[in-house]
């Protein structure tokens, strides 16, 4: 897979109808790809979710960023 294929796959998987909330950008071969937006439907933010990972993986920072963007 090359970076263009990666961008295409991310775009296909995260193209949504209605209002969206952008979580961030995709990472390909350890580089952030600015054209690969990772989105979720805004209406789903009132549901249960799970931020999982081991110590030091950025769970708390992820939640901080989501809440700061939403405010």
N, C-alpha and C. Protein backbone atom coordinates (compact mmCIF):
# COMPACT_ATOMS: atom_id res chain seq x y z
N UNK A 1 0.86 -1.18 0.00
CA UNK A 1 0.00 0.00 0.00
C UNK A 1 0.89 1.23 0.00
N UNK A 2 0.54 2.20 -0.83
CA UNK A 2 1.26 3.47 -0.84
C UNK A 2 0.40 4.54 -0.17
N UNK A 3 0.92 5.75 -0.06
CA UNK A 3 0.20 6.80 0.67
C UNK A 3 -1.11 7.19 -0.01
N UNK A 4 -1.15 7.15 -1.34
CA UNK A 4 -2.40 7.47 -2.05
C UNK A 4 -3.48 6.43 -1.76
N UNK A 5 -3.09 5.15 -1.74
CA UNK A 5 -4.04 4.09 -1.39
C UNK A 5 -4.54 4.27 0.04
N UNK A 6 -3.63 4.63 0.94
CA UNK A 6 -3.99 4.87 2.34
C UNK A 6 -5.01 6.00 2.45
N UNK A 7 -4.74 7.12 1.78
CA UNK A 7 -5.66 8.26 1.81
C UNK A 7 -7.03 7.85 1.28
N UNK A 8 -7.04 7.08 0.19
CA UNK A 8 -8.29 6.63 -0.41
C UNK A 8 -9.08 5.74 0.56
N UNK A 9 -8.40 4.82 1.21
CA UNK A 9 -9.07 3.91 2.15
C UNK A 9 -9.62 4.66 3.36
N UNK A 10 -8.84 5.56 3.92
CA UNK A 10 -9.31 6.36 5.07
C UNK A 10 -10.50 7.21 4.66
N UNK A 11 -10.40 7.86 3.51
CA UNK A 11 -11.49 8.71 3.02
C UNK A 11 -12.77 7.89 2.81
N UNK A 12 -12.62 6.70 2.25
CA UNK A 12 -13.78 5.84 2.00
C UNK A 12 -14.43 5.42 3.32
N UNK A 13 -13.62 5.10 4.30
CA UNK A 13 -14.14 4.62 5.59
C UNK A 13 -14.70 5.72 6.48
N UNK A 14 -14.26 6.96 6.27
CA UNK A 14 -14.67 8.04 7.17
C UNK A 14 -15.44 9.16 6.46
N UNK A 15 -15.99 8.88 5.28
CA UNK A 15 -16.88 9.83 4.62
C UNK A 15 -18.28 9.58 5.15
N UNK A 16 -18.84 10.54 5.83
CA UNK A 16 -20.10 10.36 6.54
C UNK A 16 -21.11 11.41 6.12
N UNK A 17 -22.39 11.10 6.31
CA UNK A 17 -23.46 12.07 6.05
C UNK A 17 -23.73 12.87 7.31
N UNK A 18 -24.20 14.08 7.14
CA UNK A 18 -24.54 14.93 8.28
C UNK A 18 -23.32 15.60 8.88
N UNK A 19 -23.53 16.16 10.06
CA UNK A 19 -22.44 16.87 10.73
C UNK A 19 -21.43 15.86 11.28
N UNK A 20 -20.16 16.23 11.17
CA UNK A 20 -19.10 15.33 11.62
C UNK A 20 -18.21 16.00 12.66
N UNK A 21 -17.51 15.17 13.38
CA UNK A 21 -16.50 15.63 14.33
C UNK A 21 -15.19 14.98 13.90
N UNK A 22 -14.19 15.78 13.59
CA UNK A 22 -12.91 15.26 13.14
C UNK A 22 -12.04 14.95 14.35
N UNK A 23 -11.69 13.68 14.49
CA UNK A 23 -10.84 13.25 15.60
C UNK A 23 -9.38 13.59 15.34
N UNK A 24 -8.98 13.53 14.09
CA UNK A 24 -7.59 13.81 13.75
C UNK A 24 -7.26 13.32 12.36
N UNK A 25 -6.02 13.05 12.13
CA UNK A 25 -5.53 12.59 10.82
C UNK A 25 -4.96 11.19 10.95
N UNK A 26 -5.00 10.46 9.85
CA UNK A 26 -4.44 9.11 9.83
C UNK A 26 -2.92 9.15 9.80
N UNK A 27 -2.32 8.06 10.20
CA UNK A 27 -0.86 7.96 10.24
C UNK A 27 -0.43 6.81 9.34
N UNK A 28 0.42 7.10 8.37
CA UNK A 28 0.89 6.10 7.42
C UNK A 28 2.41 6.02 7.48
N UNK A 29 2.93 4.84 7.73
CA UNK A 29 4.37 4.62 7.86
C UNK A 29 5.01 5.62 8.84
N UNK A 30 4.36 5.75 9.98
CA UNK A 30 4.82 6.60 11.08
C UNK A 30 4.85 8.09 10.76
N UNK A 31 4.12 8.49 9.72
CA UNK A 31 4.00 9.91 9.35
C UNK A 31 2.53 10.29 9.32
N UNK A 32 2.18 11.44 9.87
CA UNK A 32 0.81 11.92 9.82
C UNK A 32 0.49 12.32 8.39
N UNK A 33 -0.64 11.85 7.89
CA UNK A 33 -1.07 12.16 6.53
C UNK A 33 -2.18 13.21 6.59
N UNK A 34 -1.87 14.47 6.24
CA UNK A 34 -2.84 15.56 6.39
C UNK A 34 -4.11 15.41 5.57
N UNK A 35 -4.08 14.61 4.53
CA UNK A 35 -5.26 14.44 3.68
C UNK A 35 -6.15 13.29 4.13
N UNK A 36 -5.80 12.62 5.21
CA UNK A 36 -6.55 11.45 5.69
C UNK A 36 -7.25 11.78 7.01
N UNK A 37 -8.40 12.43 6.92
CA UNK A 37 -9.15 12.82 8.12
C UNK A 37 -9.93 11.64 8.70
N UNK A 38 -9.87 11.51 10.02
CA UNK A 38 -10.61 10.47 10.74
C UNK A 38 -11.79 11.17 11.42
N UNK A 39 -13.00 10.85 10.96
CA UNK A 39 -14.21 11.54 11.42
C UNK A 39 -15.18 10.57 12.07
N UNK A 40 -16.04 11.12 12.93
CA UNK A 40 -17.17 10.36 13.46
C UNK A 40 -18.40 11.26 13.36
N UNK A 41 -19.59 10.66 13.25
CA UNK A 41 -20.80 11.48 13.21
C UNK A 41 -20.98 12.24 14.53
N UNK A 42 -21.26 13.52 14.45
CA UNK A 42 -21.42 14.35 15.64
C UNK A 42 -22.52 13.81 16.55
N UNK A 43 -23.57 13.27 15.96
CA UNK A 43 -24.70 12.78 16.77
C UNK A 43 -24.34 11.56 17.62
N UNK A 44 -23.20 10.93 17.38
CA UNK A 44 -22.83 9.75 18.17
C UNK A 44 -22.01 10.10 19.42
N UNK A 45 -21.67 11.35 19.61
CA UNK A 45 -20.86 11.72 20.78
C UNK A 45 -21.63 11.63 22.10
N UNK A 46 -22.93 11.43 22.04
CA UNK A 46 -23.70 11.29 23.29
C UNK A 46 -23.87 9.83 23.70
N UNK A 47 -23.17 8.93 23.03
CA UNK A 47 -23.25 7.50 23.33
C UNK A 47 -22.03 7.03 24.11
N UNK A 48 -22.11 5.80 24.57
CA UNK A 48 -20.97 5.22 25.27
C UNK A 48 -19.80 5.04 24.31
N UNK A 49 -18.61 5.16 24.83
CA UNK A 49 -17.42 4.96 24.02
C UNK A 49 -16.32 4.36 24.86
N UNK A 50 -15.26 3.96 24.20
CA UNK A 50 -14.13 3.37 24.90
C UNK A 50 -12.85 3.94 24.32
N UNK A 51 -12.03 4.48 25.19
CA UNK A 51 -10.68 4.90 24.83
C UNK A 51 -9.76 3.93 25.55
N UNK A 52 -9.15 3.04 24.80
CA UNK A 52 -8.34 1.98 25.41
C UNK A 52 -6.87 2.12 25.02
N UNK A 53 -6.02 1.63 25.88
CA UNK A 53 -4.58 1.63 25.61
C UNK A 53 -3.82 1.44 26.91
N UNK A 54 -2.55 1.16 26.78
CA UNK A 54 -1.71 0.96 27.95
C UNK A 54 -1.20 2.30 28.46
N UNK A 55 -0.49 2.27 29.55
CA UNK A 55 0.07 3.47 30.15
C UNK A 55 0.92 4.22 29.14
N UNK A 56 0.67 5.53 29.05
CA UNK A 56 1.50 6.36 28.19
C UNK A 56 1.09 6.41 26.72
N UNK A 57 -0.08 5.84 26.39
CA UNK A 57 -0.49 5.83 24.98
C UNK A 57 -1.35 7.02 24.58
N UNK A 58 -1.70 7.88 25.53
CA UNK A 58 -2.42 9.11 25.21
C UNK A 58 -3.91 9.09 25.40
N UNK A 59 -4.43 8.20 26.26
CA UNK A 59 -5.88 8.15 26.50
C UNK A 59 -6.40 9.47 27.07
N UNK A 60 -5.76 9.96 28.10
CA UNK A 60 -6.20 11.21 28.74
C UNK A 60 -6.08 12.37 27.76
N UNK A 61 -4.99 12.45 27.05
CA UNK A 61 -4.79 13.53 26.08
C UNK A 61 -5.86 13.47 24.99
N UNK A 62 -6.20 12.28 24.55
CA UNK A 62 -7.25 12.11 23.53
C UNK A 62 -8.57 12.70 24.01
N UNK A 63 -8.95 12.36 25.24
CA UNK A 63 -10.20 12.90 25.79
C UNK A 63 -10.13 14.41 25.96
N UNK A 64 -8.99 14.93 26.39
CA UNK A 64 -8.83 16.38 26.52
C UNK A 64 -9.03 17.07 25.18
N UNK A 65 -8.45 16.53 24.13
CA UNK A 65 -8.56 17.13 22.81
C UNK A 65 -10.02 17.09 22.33
N UNK A 66 -10.68 15.96 22.53
CA UNK A 66 -12.10 15.86 22.12
C UNK A 66 -12.93 16.91 22.84
N UNK A 67 -12.77 17.04 24.14
CA UNK A 67 -13.57 18.01 24.89
C UNK A 67 -13.22 19.45 24.54
N UNK A 68 -11.95 19.72 24.29
CA UNK A 68 -11.56 21.08 23.90
C UNK A 68 -12.13 21.45 22.54
N UNK A 69 -12.12 20.52 21.60
CA UNK A 69 -12.69 20.79 20.27
C UNK A 69 -14.19 20.98 20.34
N UNK A 70 -14.83 20.22 21.21
CA UNK A 70 -16.30 20.26 21.32
C UNK A 70 -16.78 21.53 22.00
N UNK A 71 -15.97 22.13 22.84
CA UNK A 71 -16.38 23.32 23.62
C UNK A 71 -16.53 24.54 22.75
